[in-house]
């Protein structure tokens, strides 16, 4: 599980902009799903709560590993 510092770093990177995995995901979502995700991401407390779930932790781990060129094993 990610600690608070790692979650803070991810939030800061997301705020800095650029073609993030979240932006790539948003392009593939239905408009109503993208709107709901944007609402969650706009609320820092809701974003932290979402990022602390086991499902989000597993997804974030895969994203970080793929960006670092690791296999995810």
Protein backbone atom coordinates (compact mmCIF):
# COMPACT_ATOMS: atom_id res chain seq x y z
CA UNK A 1 0.00 0.00 0.00
CA UNK A 2 1.20 3.49 -0.80
CA UNK A 3 2.01 5.77 2.08
CA UNK A 4 0.77 9.34 2.41
CA UNK A 5 3.97 10.78 0.92
CA UNK A 6 3.61 8.68 -2.24
CA UNK A 7 -0.03 9.70 -2.62
CA UNK A 8 0.97 13.35 -2.21
CA UNK A 9 3.62 12.96 -4.92
CA UNK A 10 1.08 11.44 -7.31
CA UNK A 11 -1.37 14.25 -6.64
CA UNK A 12 1.33 16.86 -7.23
CA UNK A 13 2.38 15.25 -10.52
CA UNK A 14 -1.24 15.13 -11.65
CA UNK A 15 -1.62 18.85 -10.88
CA UNK A 16 1.50 19.73 -12.87
CA UNK A 17 -0.15 18.66 -16.10
CA UNK A 18 1.15 16.80 -19.09
CA UNK A 19 -0.12 13.64 -20.75
CA UNK A 20 -0.72 11.61 -17.63
CA UNK A 21 -2.20 8.12 -17.45
CA UNK A 22 -5.33 9.75 -16.03
CA UNK A 23 -5.67 11.96 -19.11
CA UNK A 24 -5.20 8.94 -21.34
CA UNK A 25 -7.86 7.10 -19.36
CA UNK A 26 -10.25 10.05 -19.60
CA UNK A 27 -10.08 9.96 -23.40
CA UNK A 28 -11.37 6.38 -23.35
CA UNK A 29 -14.24 6.91 -20.91
CA UNK A 30 -17.85 7.59 -21.74
CA UNK A 31 -18.63 11.30 -21.24
CA UNK A 32 -20.74 10.65 -18.13
CA UNK A 33 -17.99 8.49 -16.58
CA UNK A 34 -15.37 11.12 -17.36
CA UNK A 35 -17.56 13.75 -15.71
CA UNK A 36 -17.87 11.63 -12.53
CA UNK A 37 -14.11 10.98 -12.43
CA UNK A 38 -13.40 14.69 -12.90
CA UNK A 39 -15.71 15.46 -9.97
CA UNK A 40 -13.82 13.04 -7.74
CA UNK A 41 -10.42 14.34 -8.86
CA UNK A 42 -11.52 17.94 -8.23
CA UNK A 43 -12.22 17.05 -4.58
CA UNK A 44 -8.90 16.40 -2.83
CA UNK A 45 -10.48 14.45 0.03
CA UNK A 46 -12.43 12.23 -2.39
CA UNK A 47 -9.26 11.70 -4.47
CA UNK A 48 -7.29 10.64 -1.40
CA UNK A 49 -10.08 8.29 -0.36
CA UNK A 50 -10.19 6.77 -3.85
CA UNK A 51 -6.39 6.40 -4.03
CA UNK A 52 -6.34 4.59 -0.69
CA UNK A 53 -8.53 1.71 -1.92
CA UNK A 54 -6.84 -1.64 -2.65
CA UNK A 55 -8.06 -1.51 -6.25
CA UNK A 56 -6.55 1.92 -6.85
CA UNK A 57 -3.32 0.85 -5.13
CA UNK A 58 -2.99 -2.14 -7.47
CA UNK A 59 -3.69 0.00 -10.53
CA UNK A 60 -1.24 2.69 -9.44
CA UNK A 61 1.42 0.05 -8.85
CA UNK A 62 0.96 -1.22 -12.42
CA UNK A 63 1.14 2.31 -13.82
CA UNK A 64 4.29 3.19 -11.88
CA UNK A 65 5.95 -0.09 -12.82
CA UNK A 66 5.12 0.37 -16.50
CA UNK A 67 6.53 3.90 -16.42
CA UNK A 68 9.70 2.58 -14.79
CA UNK A 69 10.02 -0.25 -17.30
CA UNK A 70 9.36 -2.98 -14.75
CA UNK A 71 7.37 -6.11 -15.46
CA UNK A 72 5.04 -5.88 -12.45
CA UNK A 73 6.12 -9.17 -10.92
